[in-house]
Structure formats: structure tokens, C-alpha cells
Amino acid sequence: IGYDGKPNVNAVLGKVLAEHPELKKDMKKLVGEIQKIVGTVSK
């Protein structure tokens, strides 16, 4: 919403990790989930 309907994976990753730093232990899974949701929201 802040960027004209185009979410940024890295910005979202930073926000999620800021709230829940313990998620760093499984970054591959986290990034994959963010990418999946970004793909859906972008549409």
C-alpha cells in the first residue's frame, strides 16, 4: 500500500525480523514464504 501496490521482499523481511528475530534461524523458509505472499499480493 505504501508503494503503489508493489511490495518489496527485502523491506518485508526486515520488518518481520525486527519483530521476531528468532525467525533468522530458518531464513530460507522465511524468504520463501514472503516471496509466495508477495506474489499473491502483487496481483
Full PDB file with SEQRES, HELIX, SHEET, SSBOND, CRYST1, ORIGX, SCALE, CONECT and MASTER records, all heavy atoms in Angstrom:
SEQRES   1 A   43  ILE GLY TYR ASP GLY LYS PRO ASN VAL ASN ALA VAL LEU          
SEQRES   2 A   43  GLY LYS VAL LEU ALA GLU HIS PRO GLU LEU LYS LYS ASP          
SEQRES   3 A   43  MET LYS LYS LEU VAL GLY GLU ILE GLN LYS ILE VAL GLY          
SEQRES   4 A   43  THR VAL SER LYS                                              
HELIX    1 AA1 VAL A    9  GLU A   19  1                                  11    
HELIX    2 AA2 PRO A   21  ASP A   26  5                                   6    
HELIX    3 AA3 MET A   27  SER A   42  1                                  16    
CRYST1    1.000    1.000    1.000  90.00  90.00  90.00 P 1           1          
ORIGX1      1.000000  0.000000  0.000000        0.00000                         
ORIGX2      0.000000  1.000000  0.000000        0.00000                         
ORIGX3      0.000000  0.000000  1.000000        0.00000                         
SCALE1      1.000000  0.000000  0.000000        0.00000                         
SCALE2      0.000000  1.000000  0.000000        0.00000                         
SCALE3      0.000000  0.000000  1.000000        0.00000                         
ATOM      1  N   ILE A   1       0.842  -1.207   0.000  1.00  0.00           N  
ATOM      2  CA  ILE A   1       0.000   0.000   0.000  1.00  0.00           C  
ATOM      3  C   ILE A   1       0.874   1.253   0.000  1.00  0.00           C  
ATOM      4  O   ILE A   1       0.566   2.239  -0.661  1.00  0.00           O  
ATOM      5  CB  ILE A   1      -0.967  -0.026   1.201  1.00  0.00           C  
ATOM      6  CG1 ILE A   1      -2.008  -1.130   0.989  1.00  0.00           C  
ATOM      7  CG2 ILE A   1      -1.645   1.324   1.387  1.00  0.00           C  
ATOM      8  CD1 ILE A   1      -2.795  -1.494   2.228  1.00  0.00           C  
ATOM      9  N   GLY A   2       1.974   1.196   0.705  1.00  0.00           N  
ATOM     10  CA  GLY A   2       2.883   2.339   0.762  1.00  0.00           C  
ATOM     11  C   GLY A   2       3.651   2.580  -0.523  1.00  0.00           C  
ATOM     12  O   GLY A   2       4.188   3.665  -0.735  1.00  0.00           O  
ATOM     13  N   TYR A   3       3.708   1.573  -1.385  1.00  0.00           N  
ATOM     14  CA  TYR A   3       4.496   1.693  -2.612  1.00  0.00           C  
ATOM     15  C   TYR A   3       3.681   1.336  -3.851  1.00  0.00           C  
ATOM     16  O   TYR A   3       4.107   0.536  -4.675  1.00  0.00           O  
ATOM     17  CB  TYR A   3       5.773   0.839  -2.521  1.00  0.00           C  
ATOM     18  CG  TYR A   3       6.703   1.361  -1.462  1.00  0.00           C  
ATOM     19  CD1 TYR A   3       6.691   0.836  -0.187  1.00  0.00           C  
ATOM     20  CD2 TYR A   3       7.554   2.430  -1.733  1.00  0.00           C  
ATOM     21  CE1 TYR A   3       7.518   1.339   0.810  1.00  0.00           C  
ATOM     22  CE2 TYR A   3       8.375   2.945  -0.753  1.00  0.00           C  
ATOM     23  CZ  TYR A   3       8.360   2.401   0.507  1.00  0.00           C  
ATOM     24  OH  TYR A   3       9.176   2.912   1.492  1.00  0.00           O  
ATOM     25  N   ASP A   4       2.501   1.924  -3.930  1.00  0.00           N  
ATOM     26  CA  ASP A   4       1.685   1.827  -5.143  1.00  0.00           C  
ATOM     27  C   ASP A   4       1.337   0.395  -5.540  1.00  0.00           C  
ATOM     28  O   ASP A   4       1.309   0.056  -6.716  1.00  0.00           O  
ATOM     29  CB  ASP A   4       2.415   2.538  -6.291  1.00  0.00           C  
ATOM     30  CG  ASP A   4       1.468   3.274  -7.215  1.00  0.00           C  
ATOM     31  OD1 ASP A   4       0.319   3.528  -6.809  1.00  0.00           O  
ATOM     32  OD2 ASP A   4       1.880   3.582  -8.341  1.00  0.00           O  
ATOM     33  N   GLY A   5       1.123  -0.453  -4.542  1.00  0.00           N  
ATOM     34  CA  GLY A   5       0.706  -1.824  -4.804  1.00  0.00           C  
ATOM     35  C   GLY A   5       1.815  -2.805  -5.084  1.00  0.00           C  
ATOM     36  O   GLY A   5       1.563  -3.955  -5.405  1.00  0.00           O  
ATOM     37  N   LYS A   6       3.070  -2.358  -4.978  1.00  0.00           N  
ATOM     38  CA  LYS A   6       4.218  -3.203  -5.309  1.00  0.00           C  
ATOM     39  C   LYS A   6       5.054  -3.484  -4.052  1.00  0.00           C  
ATOM     40  O   LYS A   6       5.921  -2.690  -3.685  1.00  0.00           O  
ATOM     41  CB  LYS A   6       5.112  -2.517  -6.350  1.00  0.00           C  
ATOM     42  CG  LYS A   6       4.377  -2.045  -7.579  1.00  0.00           C  
ATOM     43  CD  LYS A   6       3.953  -3.205  -8.458  1.00  0.00           C  
ATOM     44  CE  LYS A   6       3.336  -2.690  -9.738  1.00  0.00           C  
ATOM     45  NZ  LYS A   6       2.025  -3.210  -9.999  1.00  0.00           N  
ATOM     46  N   PRO A   7       4.822  -4.619  -3.392  1.00  0.00           N  
ATOM     47  CA  PRO A   7       5.585  -4.917  -2.179  1.00  0.00           C  
ATOM     48  C   PRO A   7       7.033  -5.308  -2.490  1.00  0.00           C  
ATOM     49  O   PRO A   7       7.326  -5.827  -3.559  1.00  0.00           O  
ATOM     50  CB  PRO A   7       4.826  -6.102  -1.573  1.00  0.00           C  
ATOM     51  CG  PRO A   7       4.121  -6.739  -2.718  1.00  0.00           C  
ATOM     52  CD  PRO A   7       3.827  -5.627  -3.700  1.00  0.00           C  
ATOM     53  N   ASN A   8       7.916  -5.042  -1.538  1.00  0.00           N  
ATOM     54  CA  ASN A   8       9.340  -5.344  -1.672  1.00  0.00           C  
ATOM     55  C   ASN A   8       9.720  -6.438  -0.680  1.00  0.00           C  
ATOM     56  O   ASN A   8       9.564  -6.267   0.530  1.00  0.00           O  
ATOM     57  CB  ASN A   8      10.150  -4.071  -1.406  1.00  0.00           C  
ATOM     58  CG  ASN A   8      11.628  -4.301  -1.527  1.00  0.00           C  
ATOM     59  OD1 ASN A   8      12.246  -4.932  -0.672  1.00  0.00           O  
ATOM     60  ND2 ASN A   8      12.202  -3.779  -2.590  1.00  0.00           N  
ATOM     61  N   VAL A   9      10.227  -7.554  -1.191  1.00  0.00           N  
ATOM     62  CA  VAL A   9      10.568  -8.709  -0.354  1.00  0.00           C  
ATOM     63  C   VAL A   9      11.559  -8.323   0.748  1.00  0.00           C  
ATOM     64  O   VAL A   9      11.372  -8.681   1.913  1.00  0.00           O  
ATOM     65  CB  VAL A   9      11.153  -9.861  -1.218  1.00  0.00           C  
ATOM     66  CG1 VAL A   9      11.693 -10.978  -0.345  1.00  0.00           C  
ATOM     67  CG2 VAL A   9      10.102 -10.392  -2.178  1.00  0.00           C  
ATOM     68  N   ASN A  10      12.606  -7.592   0.408  1.00  0.00           N  
ATOM     69  CA  ASN A  10      13.641  -7.253   1.396  1.00  0.00           C  
ATOM     70  C   ASN A  10      13.120  -6.327   2.490  1.00  0.00           C  
ATOM     71  O   ASN A  10      13.492  -6.473   3.660  1.00  0.00           O  
ATOM     72  CB  ASN A  10      14.857  -6.635   0.709  1.00  0.00           C  
ATOM     73  CG  ASN A  10      15.597  -7.657  -0.139  1.00  0.00           C  
ATOM     74  OD1 ASN A  10      15.644  -8.826   0.192  1.00  0.00           O  
ATOM     75  ND2 ASN A  10      16.143  -7.202  -1.256  1.00  0.00           N  
ATOM     76  N   ALA A  11      12.260  -5.395   2.121  1.00  0.00           N  
ATOM     77  CA  ALA A  11      11.685  -4.495   3.128  1.00  0.00           C  
ATOM     78  C   ALA A  11      10.810  -5.280   4.102  1.00  0.00           C  
ATOM     79  O   ALA A  11      10.866  -5.062   5.320  1.00  0.00           O  
ATOM     80  CB  ALA A  11      10.875  -3.398   2.443  1.00  0.00           C  
ATOM     81  N   VAL A  12      10.029  -6.196   3.565  1.00  0.00           N  
ATOM     82  CA  VAL A  12       9.157  -7.019   4.408  1.00  0.00           C  
ATOM     83  C   VAL A  12       9.999  -7.927   5.305  1.00  0.00           C  
ATOM     84  O   VAL A  12       9.717  -8.066   6.495  1.00  0.00           O  
ATOM     85  CB  VAL A  12       8.181  -7.853   3.543  1.00  0.00           C  
ATOM     86  CG1 VAL A  12       7.394  -8.831   4.398  1.00  0.00           C  
ATOM     87  CG2 VAL A  12       7.235  -6.937   2.769  1.00  0.00           C  
ATOM     88  N   LEU A  13      11.040  -8.513   4.757  1.00  0.00           N  
ATOM     89  CA  LEU A  13      11.931  -9.375   5.533  1.00  0.00           C  
ATOM     90  C   LEU A  13      12.491  -8.609   6.733  1.00  0.00           C  
ATOM     91  O   LEU A  13      12.495  -9.117   7.857  1.00  0.00           O  
ATOM     92  CB  LEU A  13      13.066  -9.895   4.649  1.00  0.00           C  
ATOM     93  CG  LEU A  13      14.111 -10.764   5.325  1.00  0.00           C  
ATOM     94  CD1 LEU A  13      13.504 -12.041   5.884  1.00  0.00           C  
ATOM     95  CD2 LEU A  13      15.234 -11.095   4.351  1.00  0.00           C  
ATOM     96  N   GLY A  14      12.925  -7.380   6.501  1.00  0.00           N  
ATOM     97  CA  GLY A  14      13.460  -6.552   7.584  1.00  0.00           C  
ATOM     98  C   GLY A  14      12.435  -6.291   8.676  1.00  0.00           C  
ATOM     99  O   GLY A  14      12.749  -6.374   9.869  1.00  0.00           O  
ATOM    100  N   LYS A  15      11.205  -5.986   8.295  1.00  0.00           N  
ATOM    101  CA  LYS A  15      10.142  -5.720   9.276  1.00  0.00           C  
ATOM    102  C   LYS A  15       9.814  -6.968  10.093  1.00  0.00           C  
ATOM    103  O   LYS A  15       9.646  -6.900  11.308  1.00  0.00           O  
ATOM    104  CB  LYS A  15       8.866  -5.233   8.577  1.00  0.00           C  
ATOM    105  CG  LYS A  15       8.989  -3.874   7.957  1.00  0.00           C  
ATOM    106  CD  LYS A  15       8.964  -2.811   9.015  1.00  0.00           C  
ATOM    107  CE  LYS A  15       8.881  -1.442   8.381  1.00  0.00           C  
ATOM    108  NZ  LYS A  15       8.864  -0.383   9.371  1.00  0.00           N  
ATOM    109  N   VAL A  16       9.706  -8.105   9.401  1.00  0.00           N  
ATOM    110  CA  VAL A  16       9.377  -9.359  10.085  1.00  0.00           C  
ATOM    111  C   VAL A  16      10.492  -9.725  11.079  1.00  0.00           C  
ATOM    112  O   VAL A  16      10.215 -10.081  12.225  1.00  0.00           O  
ATOM    113  CB  VAL A  16       9.136 -10.502   9.069  1.00  0.00           C  
ATOM    114  CG1 VAL A  16       9.026 -11.849   9.774  1.00  0.00           C  
ATOM    115  CG2 VAL A  16       7.879 -10.229   8.240  1.00  0.00           C  
ATOM    116  N   LEU A  17      11.741  -9.617  10.642  1.00  0.00           N  
ATOM    117  CA  LEU A  17      12.861  -9.955  11.529  1.00  0.00           C  
ATOM    118  C   LEU A  17      13.002  -8.966  12.687  1.00  0.00           C  
ATOM    119  O   LEU A  17      13.433  -9.351  13.771  1.00  0.00           O  
ATOM    120  CB  LEU A  17      14.162 -10.036  10.740  1.00  0.00           C  
ATOM    121  CG  LEU A  17      14.272 -11.238   9.802  1.00  0.00           C  
ATOM    122  CD1 LEU A  17      15.557 -11.156   8.978  1.00  0.00           C  
ATOM    123  CD2 LEU A  17      14.209 -12.554  10.553  1.00  0.00           C  
ATOM    124  N   ALA A  18      12.621  -7.722  12.465  1.00  0.00           N  
ATOM    125  CA  ALA A  18      12.663  -6.736  13.549  1.00  0.00           C  
ATOM    126  C   ALA A  18      11.681  -7.129  14.654  1.00  0.00           C  
ATOM    127  O   ALA A  18      11.970  -6.970  15.844  1.00  0.00           O  
ATOM    128  CB  ALA A  18      12.342  -5.347  13.019  1.00  0.00           C  
ATOM    129  N   GLU A  19      10.528  -7.658  14.276  1.00  0.00           N  
ATOM    130  CA  GLU A  19       9.523  -8.073  15.251  1.00  0.00           C  
ATOM    131  C   GLU A  19       9.841  -9.434  15.862  1.00  0.00           C  
ATOM    132  O   GLU A  19       9.530  -9.670  17.025  1.00  0.00           O  
ATOM    133  CB  GLU A  19       8.137  -8.154  14.589  1.00  0.00           C  
ATOM    134  CG  GLU A  19       7.369  -6.872  14.634  1.00  0.00           C  
ATOM    135  CD  GLU A  19       5.937  -7.047  14.180  1.00  0.00           C  
ATOM    136  OE1 GLU A  19       5.233  -7.946  14.682  1.00  0.00           O  
ATOM    137  OE2 GLU A  19       5.517  -6.267  13.307  1.00  0.00           O  
ATOM    138  N   HIS A  20      10.413 -10.327  15.053  1.00  0.00           N  
ATOM    139  CA  HIS A  20      10.679 -11.691  15.510  1.00  0.00           C  
ATOM    140  C   HIS A  20      12.074 -12.152  15.060  1.00  0.00           C  
ATOM    141  O   HIS A  20      12.210 -12.931  14.122  1.00  0.00           O  
ATOM    142  CB  HIS A  20       9.614 -12.657  14.961  1.00  0.00           C  
ATOM    143  CG  HIS A  20       8.262 -12.406  15.518  1.00  0.00           C  
ATOM    144  ND1 HIS A  20       7.872 -12.852  16.758  1.00  0.00           N  
ATOM    145  CD2 HIS A  20       7.207 -11.719  15.023  1.00  0.00           C  
ATOM    146  CE1 HIS A  20       6.636 -12.465  16.998  1.00  0.00           C  
ATOM    147  NE2 HIS A  20       6.213 -11.758  15.957  1.00  0.00           N  
ATOM    148  N   PRO A  21      13.115 -11.676  15.753  1.00  0.00           N  
ATOM    149  CA  PRO A  21      14.484 -12.016  15.362  1.00  0.00           C  
ATOM    150  C   PRO A  21      14.778 -13.517  15.403  1.00  0.00           C  
ATOM    151  O   PRO A  21      15.674 -13.992  14.708  1.00  0.00           O  
ATOM    152  CB  PRO A  21      15.363 -11.252  16.346  1.00  0.00           C  
ATOM    153  CG  PRO A  21      14.469 -10.672  17.369  1.00  0.00           C  
ATOM    154  CD  PRO A  21      13.068 -10.769  16.890  1.00  0.00           C  
ATOM    155  N   GLU A  22      14.009 -14.260  16.167  1.00  0.00           N  
ATOM    156  CA  GLU A  22      14.232 -15.703  16.252  1.00  0.00           C  
ATOM    157  C   GLU A  22      13.966 -16.420  14.928  1.00  0.00           C  
ATOM    158  O   GLU A  22      14.400 -17.547  14.713  1.00  0.00           O  
ATOM    159  CB  GLU A  22      13.373 -16.328  17.363  1.00  0.00           C  
ATOM    160  CG  GLU A  22      11.880 -16.390  17.088  1.00  0.00           C  
ATOM    161  CD  GLU A  22      11.104 -15.111  17.392  1.00  0.00           C  
ATOM    162  OE1 GLU A  22      11.711 -14.080  17.732  1.00  0.00           O  
ATOM    163  OE2 GLU A  22       9.867 -15.146  17.268  1.00  0.00           O  
ATOM    164  N   LEU A  23      13.271 -15.758  14.008  1.00  0.00           N  
ATOM    165  CA  LEU A  23      12.985 -16.361  12.706  1.00  0.00           C  
ATOM    166  C   LEU A  23      14.221 -16.411  11.802  1.00  0.00           C  
ATOM    167  O   LEU A  23      14.198 -17.059  10.758  1.00  0.00           O  
ATOM    168  CB  LEU A  23      11.846 -15.610  12.005  1.00  0.00           C  
ATOM    169  CG  LEU A  23      10.478 -15.701  12.688  1.00  0.00           C  
ATOM    170  CD1 LEU A  23       9.462 -14.818  11.973  1.00  0.00           C  
ATOM    171  CD2 LEU A  23       9.987 -17.136  12.746  1.00  0.00           C  
ATOM    172  N   LYS A  24      15.307 -15.737  12.224  1.00  0.00           N  
ATOM    173  CA  LYS A  24      16.553 -15.758  11.443  1.00  0.00           C  
ATOM    174  C   LYS A  24      17.097 -17.171  11.281  1.00  0.00           C  
ATOM    175  O   LYS A  24      17.800 -17.457  10.328  1.00  0.00           O  
ATOM    176  CB  LYS A  24      17.629 -14.901  12.118  1.00  0.00           C  
ATOM    177  CG  LYS A  24      17.491 -13.446  11.860  1.00  0.00           C  
ATOM    178  CD  LYS A  24      18.657 -12.709  12.483  1.00  0.00           C  
ATOM    179  CE  LYS A  24      18.488 -11.219  12.319  1.00  0.00           C  
ATOM    180  NZ  LYS A  24      19.565 -10.473  12.958  1.00  0.00           N  
ATOM    181  N   LYS A  25      16.769 -18.047  12.223  1.00  0.00           N  
ATOM    182  CA  LYS A  25      17.340 -19.397  12.202  1.00  0.00           C  
ATOM    183  C   LYS A  25      16.896 -20.200  10.974  1.00  0.00           C  
ATOM    184  O   LYS A  25      17.564 -21.154  10.597  1.00  0.00           O  
ATOM    185  CB  LYS A  25      16.997 -20.146  13.488  1.00  0.00           C  
ATOM    186  CG  LYS A  25      15.529 -20.450  13.654  1.00  0.00           C  
ATOM    187  CD  LYS A  25      15.245 -21.144  14.957  1.00  0.00           C  
ATOM    188  CE  LYS A  25      13.748 -21.413  15.004  1.00  0.00           C  
ATOM    189  NZ  LYS A  25      13.145 -21.212  16.246  1.00  0.00           N  
ATOM    190  N   ASP A  26      15.783 -19.821  10.356  1.00  0.00           N  
ATOM    191  CA  ASP A  26      15.318 -20.533   9.164  1.00  0.00           C  
ATOM    192  C   ASP A  26      14.993 -19.524   8.059  1.00  0.00           C  
ATOM    193  O   ASP A  26      13.866 -19.415   7.593  1.00  0.00           O  
ATOM    194  CB  ASP A  26      14.094 -21.392   9.501  1.00  0.00           C  
ATOM    195  CG  ASP A  26      13.822 -22.448   8.451  1.00  0.00           C  
ATOM    196  OD1 ASP A  26      14.564 -22.492   7.438  1.00  0.00           O  
ATOM    197  OD2 ASP A  26      12.873 -23.233   8.623  1.00  0.00           O  
ATOM    198  N   MET A  27      16.037 -18.807   7.648  1.00  0.00           N  
ATOM    199  CA  MET A  27      15.872 -17.733   6.668  1.00  0.00           C  
ATOM    200  C   MET A  27      15.329 -18.221   5.324  1.00  0.00           C  
ATOM    201  O   MET A  27      14.505 -17.557   4.710  1.00  0.00           O  
ATOM    202  CB  MET A  27      17.205 -17.021   6.428  1.00  0.00           C  
ATOM    203  CG  MET A  27      17.623 -16.123   7.562  1.00  0.00           C  
ATOM    204  SD  MET A  27      16.631 -14.631   7.640  1.00  0.00           S  
ATOM    205  CE  MET A  27      17.361 -13.711   6.308  1.00  0.00           C  
ATOM    206  N   LYS A  28      15.790 -19.380   4.883  1.00  0.00           N  
ATOM    207  CA  LYS A  28      15.375 -19.891   3.584  1.00  0.00           C  
ATOM    208  C   LYS A  28      13.855 -20.084   3.538  1.00  0.00           C  
ATOM    209  O   LYS A  28      13.192 -19.678   2.585  1.00  0.00           O  
ATOM    210  CB  LYS A  28      16.094 -21.203   3.287  1.00  0.00           C  
ATOM    211  CG  LYS A  28      15.942 -21.681   1.875  1.00  0.00           C  
ATOM    212  CD  LYS A  28      16.817 -22.893   1.616  1.00  0.00           C  
ATOM    213  CE  LYS A  28      16.744 -23.270   0.158  1.00  0.00           C  
ATOM    214  NZ  LYS A  28      17.658 -24.364  -0.159  1.00  0.00           N  
ATOM    215  N   LYS A  29      13.319 -20.681   4.580  1.00  0.00           N  
ATOM    216  CA  LYS A  29      11.870 -20.900   4.658  1.00  0.00           C  
ATOM    217  C   LYS A  29      11.127 -19.560   4.757  1.00  0.00           C  
ATOM    218  O   LYS A  29      10.109 -19.362   4.101  1.00  0.00           O  
ATOM    219  CB  LYS A  29      11.551 -21.778   5.866  1.00  0.00           C  
ATOM    220  CG  LYS A  29      10.087 -22.103   6.009  1.00  0.00           C  
ATOM    221  CD  LYS A  29       9.836 -22.985   7.210  1.00  0.00           C  
ATOM    222  CE  LYS A  29       8.352 -23.203   7.390  1.00  0.00           C  
ATOM    223  NZ  LYS A  29       8.061 -23.890   8.658  1.00  0.00           N  
ATOM    224  N   LEU A  30      11.646 -18.655   5.565  1.00  0.00           N  
ATOM    225  CA  LEU A  30      11.020 -17.348   5.760  1.00  0.00           C  
ATOM    226  C   LEU A  30      10.977 -16.559   4.450  1.00  0.00           C  
ATOM    227  O   LEU A  30       9.929 -16.038   4.066  1.00  0.00           O  
ATOM    228  CB  LEU A  30      11.772 -16.557   6.836  1.00  0.00           C  
ATOM    229  CG  LEU A  30      11.274 -15.143   7.123  1.00  0.00           C  
ATOM    230  CD1 LEU A  30       9.831 -15.154   7.609  1.00  0.00           C  
ATOM    231  CD2 LEU A  30      12.170 -14.466   8.151  1.00  0.00           C  
ATOM    232  N   VAL A  31      12.098 -16.489   3.756  1.00  0.00           N  
ATOM    233  CA  VAL A  31      12.159 -15.753   2.489  1.00  0.00           C  
ATOM    234  C   VAL A  31      11.212 -16.390   1.464  1.00  0.00           C  
ATOM    235  O   VAL A  31      10.508 -15.690   0.736  1.00  0.00           O  
ATOM    236  CB  VAL A  31      13.601 -15.676   1.944  1.00  0.00           C  
ATOM    237  CG1 VAL A  31      13.636 -15.127   0.530  1.00  0.00           C  
ATOM    238  CG2 VAL A  31      14.459 -14.812   2.860  1.00  0.00           C  
ATOM    239  N   GLY A  32      11.165 -17.717   1.439  1.00  0.00           N  
ATOM    240  CA  GLY A  32      10.257 -18.407   0.519  1.00  0.00           C  
ATOM    241  C   GLY A  32       8.806 -18.060   0.785  1.00  0.00           C  
ATOM    242  O   GLY A  32       8.028 -17.813  -0.147  1.00  0.00           O  
ATOM    243  N   GLU A  33       8.434 -18.019   2.052  1.00  0.00           N  
ATOM    244  CA  GLU A  33       7.053 -17.678   2.430  1.00  0.00           C  
ATOM    245  C   GLU A  33       6.749 -16.223   2.064  1.00  0.00           C  
ATOM    246  O   GLU A  33       5.671 -15.914   1.565  1.00  0.00           O  
ATOM    247  CB  GLU A  33       6.854 -17.917   3.934  1.00  0.00           C  
ATOM    248  CG  GLU A  33       5.432 -17.783   4.398  1.00  0.00           C  
ATOM    249  CD  GLU A  33       4.491 -18.849   3.855  1.00  0.00           C  
ATOM    250  OE1 GLU A  33       4.934 -19.961   3.522  1.00  0.00           O  
ATOM    251  OE2 GLU A  33       3.280 -18.553   3.762  1.00  0.00           O  
ATOM    252  N   ILE A  34       7.693 -15.327   2.314  1.00  0.00           N  
ATOM    253  CA  ILE A  34       7.493 -13.908   1.962  1.00  0.00           C  
ATOM    254  C   ILE A  34       7.322 -13.779   0.452  1.00  0.00           C  
ATOM    255  O   ILE A  34       6.413 -13.087  -0.014  1.00  0.00           O  
ATOM    256  CB  ILE A  34       8.670 -13.040   2.467  1.00  0.00           C  
ATOM    257  CG1 ILE A  34       8.654 -12.973   3.996  1.00  0.00           C  
ATOM    258  CG2 ILE A  34       8.589 -11.628   1.868  1.00  0.00           C  
ATOM    259  CD1 ILE A  34       9.874 -12.315   4.612  1.00  0.00           C  
ATOM    260  N   GLN A  35       8.146 -14.452  -0.319  1.00  0.00           N  
ATOM    261  CA  GLN A  35       8.054 -14.372  -1.782  1.00  0.00           C  
ATOM    262  C   GLN A  35       6.703 -14.878  -2.282  1.00  0.00           C  
ATOM    263  O   GLN A  35       6.117 -14.296  -3.193  1.00  0.00           O  
ATOM    264  CB  GLN A  35       9.189 -15.157  -2.436  1.00  0.00           C  
ATOM    265  CG  GLN A  35      10.523 -14.492  -2.284  1.00  0.00           C  
ATOM    266  CD  GLN A  35      11.686 -15.349  -2.778  1.00  0.00           C  
ATOM    267  OE1 GLN A  35      11.628 -16.568  -2.759  1.00  0.00           O  
ATOM    268  NE2 GLN A  35      12.751 -14.682  -3.209  1.00  0.00           N  
ATOM    269  N   LYS A  36       6.226 -15.944  -1.674  1.00  0.00           N  
ATOM    270  CA  LYS A  36       4.936 -16.504  -2.056  1.00  0.00           C  
ATOM    271  C   LYS A  36       3.804 -15.490  -1.807  1.00  0.00           C  
ATOM    272  O   LYS A  36       2.969 -15.246  -2.675  1.00  0.00           O  
ATOM    273  CB  LYS A  36       4.684 -17.793  -1.264  1.00  0.00           C  
ATOM    274  CG  LYS A  36       3.486 -18.593  -1.710  1.00  0.00           C  
ATOM    275  CD  LYS A  36       3.461 -19.943  -1.019  1.00  0.00           C  
ATOM    276  CE  LYS A  36       2.528 -19.867   0.157  1.00  0.00           C  
ATOM    277  NZ  LYS A  36       2.371 -21.148   0.864  1.00  0.00           N  
ATOM    278  N   ILE A  37       3.818 -14.877  -0.634  1.00  0.00           N  
ATOM    279  CA  ILE A  37       2.774 -13.911  -0.276  1.00  0.00           C  
ATOM    280  C   ILE A  37       2.912 -12.641  -1.114  1.00  0.00           C  
ATOM    281  O   ILE A  37       1.908 -12.065  -1.553  1.00  0.00           O  
ATOM    282  CB  ILE A  37       2.787 -13.626   1.243  1.00  0.00           C  
ATOM    283  CG1 ILE A  37       2.409 -14.913   1.993  1.00  0.00           C  
ATOM    284  CG2 ILE A  37       1.841 -12.494   1.603  1.00  0.00           C  
ATOM    285  CD1 ILE A  37       2.591 -14.864   3.488  1.00  0.00           C  
ATOM    286  N   VAL A  38       4.139 -12.200  -1.368  1.00  0.00           N  
ATOM    287  CA  VAL A  38       4.367 -11.033  -2.231  1.00  0.00           C  
ATOM    288  C   VAL A  38       3.775 -11.288  -3.620  1.00  0.00           C  
ATOM    289  O   VAL A  38       3.126 -10.418  -4.203  1.00  0.00           O  
ATOM    290  CB  VAL A  38       5.873 -10.686  -2.322  1.00  0.00           C  
ATOM    291  CG1 VAL A  38       6.170  -9.787  -3.518  1.00  0.00           C  
ATOM    292  CG2 VAL A  38       6.338 -10.004  -1.043  1.00  0.00           C  
ATOM    293  N   GLY A  39       3.970 -12.489  -4.137  1.00  0.00           N  
ATOM    294  CA  GLY A  39       3.417 -12.839  -5.443  1.00  0.00           C  
ATOM    295  C   GLY A  39       1.901 -12.733  -5.473  1.00  0.00           C  
ATOM    296  O   GLY A  39       1.323 -12.197  -6.422  1.00  0.00           O  
ATOM    297  N   THR A  40       1.256 -13.202  -4.418  1.00  0.00           N  
ATOM    298  CA  THR A  40      -0.198 -13.147  -4.327  1.00  0.00           C  
ATOM    299  C   THR A  40      -0.694 -11.711  -4.189  1.00  0.00           C  
ATOM    300  O   THR A  40      -1.612 -11.286  -4.885  1.00  0.00           O  
ATOM    301  CB  THR A  40      -0.685 -13.982  -3.116  1.00  0.00           C  
ATOM    302  OG1 THR A  40      -0.220 -15.322  -3.268  1.00  0.00           O  
ATOM    303  CG2 THR A  40      -2.200 -13.974  -3.013  1.00  0.00           C  
ATOM    304  N   VAL A  41      -0.076 -10.963  -3.293  1.00  0.00           N  
ATOM    305  CA  VAL A  41      -0.499  -9.584  -3.028  1.00  0.00           C  
ATOM    306  C   VAL A  41      -0.253  -8.686  -4.247  1.00  0.00           C  
ATOM    307  O   VAL A  41      -1.045  -7.789  -4.531  1.00  0.00           O  
ATOM    308  CB  VAL A  41       0.214  -9.035  -1.761  1.00  0.00           C  
ATOM    309  CG1 VAL A  41       0.020  -7.538  -1.614  1.00  0.00           C  
ATOM    310  CG2 VAL A  41      -0.297  -9.766  -0.526  1.00  0.00           C  
ATOM    311  N   SER A  42       0.807  -8.945  -4.989  1.00  0.00           N  
ATOM    312  CA  SER A  42       1.124  -8.139  -6.171  1.00  0.00           C  
ATOM    313  C   SER A  42       0.033  -8.212  -7.231  1.00  0.00           C  
ATOM    314  O   SER A  42      -0.128  -7.288  -8.028  1.00  0.00           O  
ATOM    315  CB  SER A  42       2.445  -8.600  -6.791  1.00  0.00           C  
ATOM    316  OG  SER A  42       3.505  -8.324  -5.926  1.00  0.00           O  
ATOM    317  N   LYS A  43      -0.710  -9.300  -7.235  1.00  0.00           N  
ATOM    318  CA  LYS A  43      -1.778  -9.481  -8.217  1.00  0.00           C  
ATOM    319  C   LYS A  43      -3.064  -8.752  -7.826  1.00  0.00           C  
ATOM    320  O   LYS A  43      -3.987  -8.636  -8.625  1.00  0.00           O  
ATOM    321  CB  LYS A  43      -2.073 -10.966  -8.400  1.00  0.00           C  
ATOM    322  CG  LYS A  43      -0.912 -11.724  -9.002  1.00  0.00           C  
ATOM    323  CD  LYS A  43      -1.185 -13.212  -9.048  1.00  0.00           C  
ATOM    324  CE  LYS A  43       0.058 -13.954  -9.517  1.00  0.00           C  
ATOM    325  NZ  LYS A  43      -0.074 -15.395  -9.344  1.00  0.00           N  
TER     326      LYS A  43                                                      
MASTER        0    0    0    3    0    0    0    6  325    1    0    4          
END                                                                             
